[in-house]
Every structure is written in structure tokens, then in C-alpha cells.
Amino acid sequence: MTNEVKETFTRQAAPPAPAALAAKVRTLVPSMTRSMQRVAEAVAGDPAGCAALTVTGLAELTGTSEATVVRTARILGYPGYRDLRLALAGLAAQQQSGRAPSVTADIAVDDPIADVVAKLAYDEQQTLADTAAGLDTTQLGAAVTALAAARRIDIYGVGASSLVGMDLAQKLLRIGLIAHAHADPHLAVTNAVQLRAGDVAIAITHSGSTGDVIEPLRAAFEQGATTVAITGRPDGPVSQYADHVLTTSTARESELRPAAMSSRTSQLLVVDCLFIGVAQRTYETAAPALAASYEALAHRHSPRTSR
């Protein structure tokens, strides 16, 4: 994403709530400069301590400059350092009133299965909470509006993201919308060039840089379709061709828990939010369509009778 596009994205997004700050840091830190990473990690690691510091004090603490502190605050979604300090104070108050997590997400190769269950459950809950806290509801609402009125919906994803795309497509089909998920990159592009204004294309890519997903989204964008990116990297290349960006959480990875696992959890939450939003907007047609699909499949769930 160019600096101009990145600045536009930052201006459009509402400042994140205090609870969303840690999630925002996890999402954006990989794309920051090292000096900005030090500032972001400091405020996320000790919100109470940093809230008490002036911009000069935080710059000295992190071995950076005042300009770097201000730029970091803006990339995190705050107009200036004063707004970031207020969010840090709010986050510190929330943390003091809550309780520390009882487990960590680090899974060892010799962990008992009960510990694996507990750790995965906690990590998935945190991923969902981070995604919900960081999701821009203005962008989400705009995407829902476009989907509800779409003539046709194309969804692009590869690997684990393709499974999420198929989940969204089948949900939309059941409420009467024309939706197709494309895992084959060649078919994705050939379908994308047939789109036009009034259609919607959705790209799902955790990294924000998957070429096989970006290429069809770019084609759809150039054809005038409304484009949506569901990504863990809102500053990634995919956002250049997205009218609306929906950011997912970036959870910690480990040897036994690759990014595809945590990204799938957060992507499914965003997909469900899109589906429910569209179903609400199109309720008069969605409800009968959903009922008809249940009725058509009911016999497949009934006990078989012997002849």
C-alpha cells in the first residue's frame, strides 16, 4: 500500500476503542519500522506506565524520537499522541478491573491433551475478541450494503482462506443471493473480468499479499465491481484494490499452531458478521429462501425407514 493510500485508510478508520489497542498492535507491528515497533510494543506491554508519560518521555523510554511516537499513534488509528494516551489509560483501567488469563497459547509437543484443549480454547477466544474489538463497523456496514444489493458475488481465497470463502458462498446462496467461491486462481481471474458495477468481489488473505487472490480482486476492481478485502494486514498489497477493508486479528504463531489456524478463526467471525448483516438487510427475501432450503433438505436429516 502506498503512503497516500495508507494515510487515507488511517484517516477513514475510527480511532480504536481501548480494548482494541492490543489487537491493533498485533495486527500492524509486522509492517512497522523497527523504531515504531518499539513504541507500539511498549504501549501494548505497559499501558498504565506509558499513559503517564509525555510524548518526550515515551520517546526517551523507547529510544526513538517524538516524531516516531506521533507517527506510531497515527498508524494505530489515533489522531495524535494525546488520543493514544487516553486510550492507554482506559486500557489500563480495564486490565486492573479484570483478571489475568490462566493459560498461555504456547503449546509444547509433550503437553497433555487436556492442556492442549484449554490453551487452544483460550487462544481462539482471544482471537475472536481481538477481531471483534478491531473490526471497523463502518467498513463492515458498507460491505454489507454492497452485498445486499449485489447482482453477483465472487469470493477469492486459497488454502485455508478458500474454505472460509466456500463457507460464505454457501451461506449467501441459502438466502437467495448469487455467490461463488473460487479456489482455482485461473477460474477466479476469468470470472473476475466478467464482473461490473453492481457486483461484489471479496478477497480473503491473511497475509494481504497472496498473488492468486490479489490478481482476481484487481481485475474485479478495474471492471468497476465493489471490492472487499478480509485480511490480517490492512496495509498489504491487497488493500490497494479494496473499496472496503475488514481487518482480522493476528494471533501469535508457534511450531504446532500455524497462522492458518488462527486466521481461519478470525476470518470465520468476519464472514458470519457479513452474512448476518446481509440477512438482516434482505430479510423479506432471505427468510423465505432460508426456509425453502431447510425444507428441501429436511428429508436428508430424517431417519430412514426400512422397506
Foldseek 3Di string as FASTA:
>chain_A
DDPVVLLVVLVPFAQFALLLLLQLLQLALVVDDPLLNLLSCVCNVQLPVVLPDDLCRSCVVSVHDSVSNQVSCSSSRHNGVPRVSVSSVVNVVVDVVDDDDPDELDDDPPDDVVNNVVNVVVQLVVQQSNLVRPWRVVLLLVLLVLQLQAQAEEEEDEDLQLVLQVVLQVLCVLLPHHYDYDHDLVVLQVVLLVAADRHEYEYEDAALEPPSRQNSLQNNLVRHYAYEYEYSHCPHPSVVSHPGYTHGGQGDADPVRHRSNSSSSRSNVSSVSSSVSSCVVVVVRRVVSNVVVCVVCVVVPDDDDDD
